[in-house]
C-alpha atoms as a PDB file:
ATOM      1  CA  MET A   1    -103.531   9.782 -80.195  1.00  0.00           C
ATOM      2  CA  THR A   2    -105.283   9.254 -77.617  1.00  0.00           C
ATOM      3  CA  LEU A   3    -108.216   6.681 -77.683  1.00  0.00           C
ATOM      4  CA  LEU A   4    -111.405   7.058 -75.192  1.00  0.00           C
ATOM      5  CA  THR A   5    -113.074   3.802 -74.062  1.00  0.00           C
ATOM      6  CA  LEU A   6    -115.897   2.121 -72.427  1.00  0.00           C
ATOM      7  CA  ALA A   7    -112.500   0.967 -69.654  1.00  0.00           C
ATOM      8  CA  ASN A   8    -110.757   4.020 -68.947  1.00  0.00           C
ATOM      9  CA  THR A   9    -113.596   7.023 -69.509  1.00  0.00           C
ATOM     10  CA  ALA A  10    -116.041   7.631 -67.020  1.00  0.00           C
ATOM     11  CA  ILE A  11    -118.858   9.929 -67.946  1.00  0.00           C
ATOM     12  CA  VAL A  12    -121.012  12.026 -64.412  1.00  0.00           C
ATOM     13  CA  ALA A  13    -124.231  13.961 -65.049  1.00  0.00           C
ATOM     14  CA  ASP A  14    -126.369  15.684 -62.155  1.00  0.00           C
ATOM     15  CA  SER A  15    -130.285  13.814 -61.125  1.00  0.00           C
ATOM     16  CA  THR A  16    -131.811  16.327 -64.128  1.00  0.00           C
ATOM     17  CA  CYS A  17    -130.920  14.083 -67.000  1.00  0.00           C
ATOM     18  CA  ASP A  18    -134.143  12.197 -65.098  1.00  0.00           C
ATOM     19  CA  PRO A  19    -132.636   8.752 -66.558  1.00  0.00           C
ATOM     20  CA  PRO A  20    -134.728   5.578 -66.446  1.00  0.00           C
ATOM     21  CA  VAL A  21    -134.490   3.650 -63.328  1.00  0.00           C
ATOM     22  CA  GLY A  22    -131.636   1.802 -63.339  1.00  0.00           C
ATOM     23  CA  TYR A  23    -129.942   3.376 -66.338  1.00  0.00           C
ATOM     24  CA  PHE A  24    -126.210   4.714 -63.963  1.00  0.00           C
ATOM     25  CA  GLU A  25    -125.939   1.072 -62.578  1.00  0.00           C
ATOM     26  CA  ARG A  26    -123.503   0.416 -64.841  1.00  0.00           C
ATOM     27  CA  GLU A  27    -119.531   0.663 -63.846  1.00  0.00           C
ATOM     28  CA  ASN A  28    -118.568   4.093 -65.633  1.00  0.00           C
ATOM     29  CA  LEU A  29    -121.634   6.467 -65.052  1.00  0.00           C
ATOM     30  CA  ARG A  30    -122.256   8.129 -61.747  1.00  0.00           C
ATOM     31  CA  LEU A  31    -125.590  10.129 -61.091  1.00  0.00           C
ATOM     32  CA  VAL A  32    -125.026  12.956 -58.543  1.00  0.00           C
ATOM     33  CA  PRO A  33    -128.391  13.861 -57.428  1.00  0.00           C
ATOM     34  CA  LEU A  34    -129.751  18.022 -56.760  1.00  0.00           C
ATOM     35  CA  LYS A  35    -132.120  18.083 -54.195  1.00  0.00           C
ATOM     36  CA  VAL A  36    -136.350  19.001 -53.654  1.00  0.00           C
ATOM     37  CA  HIS A  37    -137.349  20.620 -50.394  1.00  0.00           C
ATOM     38  CA  PHE A  38    -140.734  20.244 -48.569  1.00  0.00           C
ATOM     39  CA  GLY A  39    -140.642  23.113 -46.005  1.00  0.00           C
ATOM     40  CA  ASP A  40    -138.100  21.231 -43.708  1.00  0.00           C
ATOM     41  CA  ALA A  41    -137.882  18.049 -45.068  1.00  0.00           C
ATOM     42  CA  THR A  42    -134.694  17.646 -47.449  1.00  0.00           C
ATOM     43  CA  PHE A  43    -135.009  14.639 -50.367  1.00  0.00           C
ATOM     44  CA  ARG A  44    -132.242  13.809 -53.350  1.00  0.00           C
ATOM     45  CA  ASP A  45    -133.731  13.713 -56.240  1.00  0.00           C
ATOM     46  CA  GLY A  46    -134.282   9.854 -57.619  1.00  0.00           C
ATOM     47  CA  VAL A  47    -132.775   8.482 -54.691  1.00  0.00           C
ATOM     48  CA  ASP A  48    -134.748   9.089 -51.603  1.00  0.00           C
ATOM     49  CA  LEU A  49    -137.743  10.098 -53.984  1.00  0.00           C
ATOM     50  CA  SER A  50    -139.034   8.402 -56.965  1.00  0.00           C
ATOM     51  CA  SER A  51    -140.843  10.223 -59.957  1.00  0.00           C
ATOM     52  CA  ASP A  52    -144.272   8.572 -58.524  1.00  0.00           C
ATOM     53  CA  GLU A  53    -143.425   9.505 -55.289  1.00  0.00           C
ATOM     54  CA  PHE A  54    -142.654  13.044 -55.856  1.00  0.00           C
ATOM     55  CA  PHE A  55    -145.394  13.835 -57.350  1.00  0.00           C
ATOM     56  CA  ALA A  56    -148.138  11.319 -55.155  1.00  0.00           C
ATOM     57  CA  LYS A  57    -146.081  13.924 -52.482  1.00  0.00           C
ATOM     58  CA  LEU A  58    -146.647  16.892 -54.508  1.00  0.00           C
ATOM     59  CA  ALA A  59    -150.189  16.276 -54.876  1.00  0.00           C
ATOM     60  CA  GLY A  60    -150.971  16.385 -51.321  1.00  0.00           C
ATOM     61  CA  SER A  61    -149.070  18.994 -50.120  1.00  0.00           C
ATOM     62  CA  ASP A  62    -150.009  22.486 -49.213  1.00  0.00           C
ATOM     63  CA  VAL A  63    -146.235  22.862 -49.454  1.00  0.00           C
ATOM     64  CA  MET A  64    -144.624  24.197 -52.780  1.00  0.00           C
ATOM     65  CA  PRO A  65    -141.070  22.222 -53.062  1.00  0.00           C
ATOM     66  CA  THR A  66    -138.228  23.769 -53.767  1.00  0.00           C
ATOM     67  CA  THR A  67    -135.308  22.928 -55.003  1.00  0.00           C
ATOM     68  CA  SER A  68    -131.096  23.431 -54.770  1.00  0.00           C
ATOM     69  CA  GLN A  69    -128.214  22.506 -56.417  1.00  0.00           C
ATOM     70  CA  PRO A  70    -125.045  19.616 -55.470  1.00  0.00           C
ATOM     71  CA  THR A  71    -122.756  21.030 -53.648  1.00  0.00           C
ATOM     72  CA  VAL A  72    -118.713  21.750 -54.349  1.00  0.00           C
ATOM     73  CA  ALA A  73    -117.952  19.139 -52.048  1.00  0.00           C
ATOM     74  CA  GLU A  74    -120.221  15.944 -53.632  1.00  0.00           C
ATOM     75  CA  PHE A  75    -118.930  16.235 -56.524  1.00  0.00           C
ATOM     76  CA  ASP A  76    -115.080  16.587 -55.318  1.00  0.00           C
ATOM     77  CA  ALA A  77    -116.100  12.741 -53.865  1.00  0.00           C
ATOM     78  CA  CYS A  78    -117.619  11.810 -57.070  1.00  0.00           C
ATOM     79  CA  TYR A  79    -114.691  12.958 -58.911  1.00  0.00           C
ATOM     80  CA  SER A  80    -112.378  11.600 -56.313  1.00  0.00           C
ATOM     81  CA  GLU A  81    -113.577   8.165 -56.660  1.00  0.00           C
ATOM     82  CA  LEU A  82    -113.784   8.067 -60.498  1.00  0.00           C
ATOM     83  CA  CYS A  83    -110.248   9.573 -60.773  1.00  0.00           C
ATOM     84  CA  GLU A  84    -108.490   6.307 -59.105  1.00  0.00           C
ATOM     85  CA  ARG A  85    -110.041   3.902 -61.647  1.00  0.00           C
ATOM     86  CA  TYR A  86    -110.333   5.811 -64.910  1.00  0.00           C
ATOM     87  CA  GLU A  87    -107.832   7.912 -66.631  1.00  0.00           C
ATOM     88  CA  HIS A  88    -110.616  10.417 -68.551  1.00  0.00           C
ATOM     89  CA  VAL A  89    -113.645  11.782 -66.866  1.00  0.00           C
ATOM     90  CA  PHE A  90    -116.325  13.776 -68.866  1.00  0.00           C
ATOM     91  CA  SER A  91    -119.543  15.383 -66.227  1.00  0.00           C
ATOM     92  CA  LEU A  92    -122.209  16.629 -68.368  1.00  0.00           C
ATOM     93  CA  HIS A  93    -125.253  19.395 -67.267  1.00  0.00           C
ATOM     94  CA  LEU A  94    -127.785  21.123 -67.632  1.00  0.00           C
ATOM     95  CA  SER A  95    -127.614  24.800 -68.592  1.00  0.00           C
ATOM     96  CA  LYS A  96    -126.161  26.646 -66.293  1.00  0.00           C
ATOM     97  CA  LEU A  97    -128.813  29.427 -67.053  1.00  0.00           C
ATOM     98  CA  MET A  98    -131.038  27.256 -64.973  1.00  0.00           C
ATOM     99  CA  SER A  99    -129.671  26.330 -62.362  1.00  0.00           C
ATOM    100  CA  GLY A 100    -125.900  26.560 -60.828  1.00  0.00           C
ATOM    101  CA  THR A 101    -124.789  23.067 -60.800  1.00  0.00           C
ATOM    102  CA  PHE A 102    -122.494  23.322 -64.092  1.00  0.00           C
ATOM    103  CA  GLU A 103    -120.767  25.598 -61.647  1.00  0.00           C
ATOM    104  CA  ALA A 104    -120.635  24.066 -58.271  1.00  0.00           C
ATOM    105  CA  ALA A 105    -118.708  20.854 -60.249  1.00  0.00           C
ATOM    106  CA  SER A 106    -116.699  23.234 -62.245  1.00  0.00           C
ATOM    107  CA  GLN A 107    -114.893  24.464 -58.968  1.00  0.00           C
ATOM    108  CA  ALA A 108    -114.966  20.677 -58.115  1.00  0.00           C
ATOM    109  CA  ALA A 109    -113.055  20.135 -61.051  1.00  0.00           C
ATOM    110  CA  LYS A 110    -109.822  22.226 -60.494  1.00  0.00           C
ATOM    111  CA  ARG A 111    -109.133  19.658 -57.758  1.00  0.00           C
ATOM    112  CA  HIS A 112    -108.459  16.926 -60.629  1.00  0.00           C
ATOM    113  CA  GLU A 113    -106.954  17.392 -63.778  1.00  0.00           C
ATOM    114  CA  ARG A 114    -108.577  13.797 -65.229  1.00  0.00           C
ATOM    115  CA  VAL A 115    -112.004  15.954 -65.168  1.00  0.00           C
ATOM    116  CA  GLU A 116    -113.776  17.841 -68.318  1.00  0.00           C
ATOM    117  CA  VAL A 117    -117.256  19.856 -67.310  1.00  0.00           C
ATOM    118  CA  TYR A 118    -119.416  20.425 -70.431  1.00  0.00           C
ATOM    119  CA  ASP A 119    -122.764  23.158 -70.051  1.00  0.00           C
ATOM    120  CA  THR A 120    -124.804  20.652 -72.330  1.00  0.00           C
ATOM    121  CA  GLN A 121    -127.627  23.795 -72.511  1.00  0.00           C
ATOM    122  CA  LYS A 122    -130.081  21.275 -71.914  1.00  0.00           C
ATOM    123  CA  VAL A 123    -132.231  19.768 -69.205  1.00  0.00           C
ATOM    124  CA  SER A 124    -133.834  16.090 -68.523  1.00  0.00           C
ATOM    125  CA  VAL A 125    -134.062  13.091 -70.963  1.00  0.00           C
ATOM    126  CA  VAL A 126    -132.573  14.515 -74.064  1.00  0.00           C
ATOM    127  CA  ILE A 127    -129.171  14.512 -71.823  1.00  0.00           C
ATOM    128  CA  THR A 128    -129.100  11.102 -71.163  1.00  0.00           C
ATOM    129  CA  LEU A 129    -129.379  10.916 -74.689  1.00  0.00           C
ATOM    130  CA  LEU A 130    -126.677  12.359 -75.146  1.00  0.00           C
ATOM    131  CA  ILE A 131    -124.565   9.897 -72.611  1.00  0.00           C
ATOM    132  CA  ASP A 132    -126.268   7.081 -74.302  1.00  0.00           C
ATOM    133  CA  ARG A 133    -124.849   8.087 -77.870  1.00  0.00           C
ATOM    134  CA  LEU A 134    -121.504   8.549 -76.289  1.00  0.00           C
ATOM    135  CA  LEU A 135    -121.209   5.459 -74.156  1.00  0.00           C
ATOM    136  CA  GLY A 136    -122.124   3.963 -78.278  1.00  0.00           C
ATOM    137  CA  LEU A 137    -118.627   6.015 -79.646  1.00  0.00           C
ATOM    138  CA  LEU A 138    -116.544   4.539 -76.316  1.00  0.00           C
ATOM    139  CA  ALA A 139    -117.767   1.314 -76.880  1.00  0.00           C
ATOM    140  CA  ARG A 140    -116.592   1.138 -80.619  1.00  0.00           C
ATOM    141  CA  GLY A 141    -113.503   3.648 -79.514  1.00  0.00           C
ATOM    142  CA  ILE A 142    -112.715   7.189 -80.570  1.00  0.00           C
ATOM    143  CA  ALA A 143    -110.425   9.038 -80.252  1.00  0.00           C
ATOM    144  CA  ALA A 144    -110.408  11.996 -77.296  1.00  0.00           C
ATOM    145  CA  ASP A 145    -110.753  14.818 -79.539  1.00  0.00           C
ATOM    146  CA  ASP A 146    -113.844  13.312 -81.477  1.00  0.00           C
ATOM    147  CA  PHE A 147    -115.493  12.603 -78.830  1.00  0.00           C
ATOM    148  CA  ARG A 148    -115.590  16.378 -77.440  1.00  0.00           C
ATOM    149  CA  ALA A 149    -116.126  17.488 -80.449  1.00  0.00           C
ATOM    150  CA  TYR A 150    -119.729  15.745 -80.390  1.00  0.00           C
ATOM    151  CA  ILE A 151    -120.098  17.288 -76.848  1.00  0.00           C
ATOM    152  CA  GLU A 152    -119.631  20.733 -77.719  1.00  0.00           C
ATOM    153  CA  SER A 153    -121.860  20.145 -81.066  1.00  0.00           C
ATOM    154  CA  PHE A 154    -124.757  18.557 -78.534  1.00  0.00           C
ATOM    155  CA  ASP A 155    -126.997  21.771 -78.348  1.00  0.00           C
ATOM    156  CA  GLU A 156    -126.839  22.878 -81.841  1.00  0.00           C
ATOM    157  CA  ARG A 157    -127.568  18.973 -83.228  1.00  0.00           C
ATOM    158  CA  SER A 158    -130.520  18.357 -80.849  1.00  0.00           C
ATOM    159  CA  GLY A 159    -133.778  19.583 -79.501  1.00  0.00           C
ATOM    160  CA  LEU A 160    -135.938  19.135 -77.156  1.00  0.00           C
ATOM    161  CA  VAL A 161    -139.831  20.391 -76.522  1.00  0.00           C
ATOM    162  CA  PHE A 162    -142.179  19.804 -74.256  1.00  0.00           C
ATOM    163  CA  GLN A 163    -146.171  20.546 -73.064  1.00  0.00           C
ATOM    164  CA  VAL A 164    -146.618  22.155 -70.067  1.00  0.00           C
ATOM    165  CA  ALA A 165    -150.454  21.037 -68.733  1.00  0.00           C
ATOM    166  CA  THR A 166    -151.099  23.619 -66.604  1.00  0.00           C
ATOM    167  CA  LEU A 167    -150.100  27.260 -66.148  1.00  0.00           C
ATOM    168  CA  GLU A 168    -150.029  27.027 -62.286  1.00  0.00           C
ATOM    169  CA  TYR A 169    -146.714  25.767 -61.866  1.00  0.00           C
ATOM    170  CA  LEU A 170    -145.228  28.511 -64.459  1.00  0.00           C
ATOM    171  CA  ARG A 171    -147.103  31.312 -62.006  1.00  0.00           C
ATOM    172  CA  ARG A 172    -145.710  29.479 -58.880  1.00  0.00           C
ATOM    173  CA  GLY A 173    -142.216  29.694 -59.970  1.00  0.00           C
ATOM    174  CA  GLY A 174    -142.753  32.888 -60.649  1.00  0.00           C
ATOM    175  CA  ARG A 175    -142.931  33.094 -64.687  1.00  0.00           C
ATOM    176  CA  ILE A 176    -146.397  34.043 -65.191  1.00  0.00           C
ATOM    177  CA  GLY A 177    -149.470  36.140 -63.415  1.00  0.00           C
ATOM    178  CA  ARG A 178    -152.128  34.409 -61.386  1.00  0.00           C
ATOM    179  CA  ALA A 179    -154.089  36.687 -64.069  1.00  0.00           C
ATOM    180  CA  GLN A 180    -152.444  35.524 -67.013  1.00  0.00           C
ATOM    181  CA  SER A 181    -152.377  31.413 -65.661  1.00  0.00           C
ATOM    182  CA  MET A 182    -155.936  31.893 -64.749  1.00  0.00           C
ATOM    183  CA  VAL A 183    -156.738  32.793 -68.304  1.00  0.00           C
ATOM    184  CA  GLY A 184    -154.963  29.905 -69.905  1.00  0.00           C
ATOM    185  CA  ASP A 185    -156.384  27.403 -68.086  1.00  0.00           C
ATOM    186  CA  ILE A 186    -160.148  28.339 -68.618  1.00  0.00           C
ATOM    187  CA  LEU A 187    -159.503  29.052 -72.671  1.00  0.00           C
ATOM    188  CA  GLY A 188    -157.814  25.505 -72.296  1.00  0.00           C
ATOM    189  CA  ILE A 189    -154.236  26.780 -73.610  1.00  0.00           C
ATOM    190  CA  ARG A 190    -151.768  24.408 -73.784  1.00  0.00           C
ATOM    191  CA  PRO A 191    -147.827  26.819 -73.350  1.00  0.00           C
ATOM    192  CA  LEU A 192    -145.286  24.704 -75.467  1.00  0.00           C
ATOM    193  CA  LEU A 193    -141.541  25.638 -74.570  1.00  0.00           C
ATOM    194  CA  HIS A 194    -138.623  24.632 -76.118  1.00  0.00           C
ATOM    195  CA  CYS A 195    -134.821  24.885 -74.425  1.00  0.00           C
ATOM    196  CA  ASP A 196    -132.627  27.571 -76.767  1.00  0.00           C
ATOM    197  CA  ASP A 197    -129.171  28.112 -75.882  1.00  0.00           C
ATOM    198  CA  GLY A 198    -129.532  26.933 -73.096  1.00  0.00           C
ATOM    199  CA  GLU A 199    -132.805  29.018 -71.856  1.00  0.00           C
ATOM    200  CA  VAL A 200    -136.498  27.466 -71.502  1.00  0.00           C
ATOM    201  CA  THR A 201    -138.030  29.814 -73.531  1.00  0.00           C
ATOM    202  CA  ALA A 202    -141.969  29.911 -74.993  1.00  0.00           C
ATOM    203  CA  HIS A 203    -142.363  27.910 -78.000  1.00  0.00           C
ATOM    204  CA  ALA A 204    -145.982  27.861 -79.378  1.00  0.00           C
ATOM    205  CA  LYS A 205    -149.126  28.805 -77.488  1.00  0.00           C
ATOM    206  CA  VAL A 206    -152.247  26.250 -78.717  1.00  0.00           C
ATOM    207  CA  ARG A 207    -155.564  26.079 -77.822  1.00  0.00           C
ATOM    208  CA  GLY A 208    -156.715  21.626 -77.883  1.00  0.00           C
ATOM    209  CA  GLU A 209    -154.720  18.319 -77.302  1.00  0.00           C
ATOM    210  CA  ARG A 210    -154.741  17.771 -81.340  1.00  0.00           C
ATOM    211  CA  LYS A 211    -153.305  20.965 -82.317  1.00  0.00           C
ATOM    212  CA  ALA A 212    -150.284  20.860 -78.945  1.00  0.00           C
ATOM    213  CA  LEU A 213    -149.002  17.370 -81.249  1.00  0.00           C
ATOM    214  CA  ALA A 214    -149.216  18.885 -84.413  1.00  0.00           C
ATOM    215  CA  GLU A 215    -147.851  21.735 -83.435  1.00  0.00           C
ATOM    216  CA  MET A 216    -144.716  19.224 -81.779  1.00  0.00           C
ATOM    217  CA  THR A 217    -144.597  17.511 -84.619  1.00  0.00           C
ATOM    218  CA  GLY A 218    -143.783  20.686 -86.781  1.00  0.00           C
ATOM    219  CA  TYR A 219    -140.591  21.370 -84.130  1.00  0.00           C
ATOM    220  CA  LEU A 220    -139.250  18.246 -85.352  1.00  0.00           C
ATOM    221  CA  GLU A 221    -139.951  18.904 -89.176  1.00  0.00           C
ATOM    222  CA  GLU A 222    -138.823  22.281 -88.920  1.00  0.00           C
ATOM    223  CA  ARG A 223    -134.998  20.635 -87.468  1.00  0.00           C
ATOM    224  CA  THR A 224    -134.671  17.907 -89.366  1.00  0.00           C
ATOM    225  CA  ASP A 225    -134.907  16.305 -93.069  1.00  0.00           C
ATOM    226  CA  LEU A 226    -135.526  13.076 -94.254  1.00  0.00           C
ATOM    227  CA  ASP A 227    -132.638  11.550 -94.729  1.00  0.00           C
ATOM    228  CA  ASP A 228    -131.270  12.668 -91.263  1.00  0.00           C
ATOM    229  CA  ALA A 229    -130.452   9.610 -88.860  1.00  0.00           C
ATOM    230  CA  ILE A 230    -132.375  10.789 -85.825  1.00  0.00           C
ATOM    231  CA  PHE A 231    -132.329   9.291 -82.242  1.00  0.00           C
ATOM    232  CA  GLY A 232    -135.114  10.418 -80.229  1.00  0.00           C
ATOM    233  CA  CYS A 233    -136.268  10.212 -76.535  1.00  0.00           C
ATOM    234  CA  LEU A 234    -139.872  10.281 -75.225  1.00  0.00           C
ATOM    235  CA  PHE A 235    -140.866  11.494 -71.296  1.00  0.00           C
ATOM    236  CA  HIS A 236    -143.505  12.492 -69.259  1.00  0.00           C
ATOM    237  CA  ALA A 237    -144.109  14.268 -65.638  1.00  0.00           C
ATOM    238  CA  ALA A 238    -147.490  11.616 -64.367  1.00  0.00           C
ATOM    239  CA  ALA A 239    -148.885  11.512 -68.049  1.00  0.00           C
ATOM    240  CA  PRO A 240    -147.725   8.087 -69.653  1.00  0.00           C
ATOM    241  CA  GLY A 241    -151.021   8.234 -71.879  1.00  0.00           C
ATOM    242  CA  SER A 242    -149.585  10.836 -73.203  1.00  0.00           C
ATOM    243  CA  ILE A 243    -146.956   9.323 -74.678  1.00  0.00           C
ATOM    244  CA  GLY A 244    -148.383   6.612 -76.817  1.00  0.00           C
ATOM    245  CA  PRO A 245    -149.619   9.781 -79.308  1.00  0.00           C
ATOM    246  CA  LEU A 246    -146.863  11.645 -79.358  1.00  0.00           C
ATOM    247  CA  ARG A 247    -144.538   9.275 -80.578  1.00  0.00           C
ATOM    248  CA  GLU A 248    -147.042   7.907 -83.606  1.00  0.00           C
ATOM    249  CA  ARG A 249    -147.560  11.731 -84.579  1.00  0.00           C
ATOM    250  CA  LEU A 250    -143.127  11.849 -84.727  1.00  0.00           C
ATOM    251  CA  LEU A 251    -143.152   8.382 -87.003  1.00  0.00           C
ATOM    252  CA  VAL A 252    -145.481   9.380 -89.406  1.00  0.00           C
ATOM    253  CA  ALA A 253    -143.408  12.845 -90.174  1.00  0.00           C
ATOM    254  CA  ARG A 254    -139.693  11.169 -89.310  1.00  0.00           C
ATOM    255  CA  PRO A 255    -140.171   7.367 -89.786  1.00  0.00           C
ATOM    256  CA  GLN A 256    -136.334   7.212 -89.303  1.00  0.00           C
ATOM    257  CA  ILE A 257    -136.099   8.595 -86.012  1.00  0.00           C
ATOM    258  CA  GLU A 258    -135.245   5.820 -83.556  1.00  0.00           C
ATOM    259  CA  PHE A 259    -136.612   6.449 -79.751  1.00  0.00           C
ATOM    260  CA  VAL A 260    -133.424   5.058 -77.641  1.00  0.00           C
ATOM    261  CA  LEU A 261    -135.402   6.173 -74.494  1.00  0.00           C
ATOM    262  CA  THR A 262    -138.457   6.622 -73.023  1.00  0.00           C
ATOM    263  CA  SER A 263    -138.327   7.558 -69.224  1.00  0.00           C
ATOM    264  CA  THR A 264    -140.287   9.830 -66.713  1.00  0.00           C
ATOM    265  CA  VAL A 265    -139.439  13.241 -65.522  1.00  0.00           C
ATOM    266  CA  GLY A 266    -137.905  13.376 -61.665  1.00  0.00           C
ATOM    267  CA  ALA A 267    -138.257  15.335 -58.603  1.00  0.00           C
ATOM    268  CA  VAL A 268    -136.161  18.526 -59.548  1.00  0.00           C
ATOM    269  CA  VAL A 269    -137.650  19.262 -62.421  1.00  0.00           C
ATOM    270  CA  GLY A 270    -141.091  17.888 -61.917  1.00  0.00           C
ATOM    271  CA  THR A 271    -141.422  20.858 -59.181  1.00  0.00           C
ATOM    272  CA  HIS A 272    -140.631  22.788 -62.083  1.00  0.00           C
ATOM    273  CA  ALA A 273    -142.529  21.913 -64.847  1.00  0.00           C
ATOM    274  CA  GLY A 274    -145.497  20.092 -62.590  1.00  0.00           C
ATOM    275  CA  PRO A 275    -147.514  16.797 -63.630  1.00  0.00           C
ATOM    276  CA  GLY A 276    -149.508  16.385 -67.022  1.00  0.00           C
ATOM    277  CA  THR A 277    -145.946  17.549 -68.969  1.00  0.00           C
ATOM    278  CA  PHE A 278    -144.765  15.264 -71.565  1.00  0.00           C
ATOM    279  CA  ALA A 279    -141.849  15.918 -74.025  1.00  0.00           C
ATOM    280  CA  TYR A 280    -139.347  14.629 -76.567  1.00  0.00           C
ATOM    281  CA  GLY A 281    -136.205  15.533 -77.215  1.00  0.00           C
ATOM    282  CA  PHE A 282    -133.904  14.005 -80.447  1.00  0.00           C
ATOM    283  CA  ILE A 283    -130.006  14.473 -81.863  1.00  0.00           C
ATOM    284  CA  VAL A 284    -129.524  14.797 -85.272  1.00  0.00           C
ATOM    285  CA  GLU A 285    -126.133  12.725 -86.664  1.00  0.00           C
END
């Protein structure tokens, strides 16, 4: 039986996992950044541009930023370095339906027998939550097949829901038309989105902050039981004041939930979600 530990196993993720600052400063973790472009200027997500710097730049820019995935060569370099030191490398990425990042990682992994690449079918901090749980398993030591099974069951045991403050960024990204975005903003409609089978889709549309929080809480109640072990994460896009009320509501609904991570949305996810977004994710064990 192959036993995986912190000493023989490394984990790679891309920057859309939006980790707390400093989280990946560990021997067996690596973060491969996506890129955000303001016109001709290119920045590596989380490296050249922090979350705060991105939203400040976004507020003062007349140019809508665009994003791009890491190259195969960038993943190859990362894997090469880790394979010199670790027997096993697990590379975990945002849904392939949202980006070509998973495909680039998969192409690079063909050159490295020790590397296994997974599509988490999620995005943002809930992926870091997965990594956090995996690090706990490695700390205790775990059979390789059990480790793989945990990753493979992640999508069905996890959830992610977020509120978008304005429809404008969805409109700019071509998701909805200008007329619909204007009506939504004028009426105070708050779209709630969730990640389902690797796609970000509409969960509900509500009017007002109170109803939005109630609907977000209902999402957790529908997908968990009172006797479940639940691990959660909270995150926002330039909206720190939104986290406290959301946390309180979720704890009332599921007092046993353990919030492991609180973080901010980075430049790439922030380009598509926009400022004012707030969210939570969870894993049921």
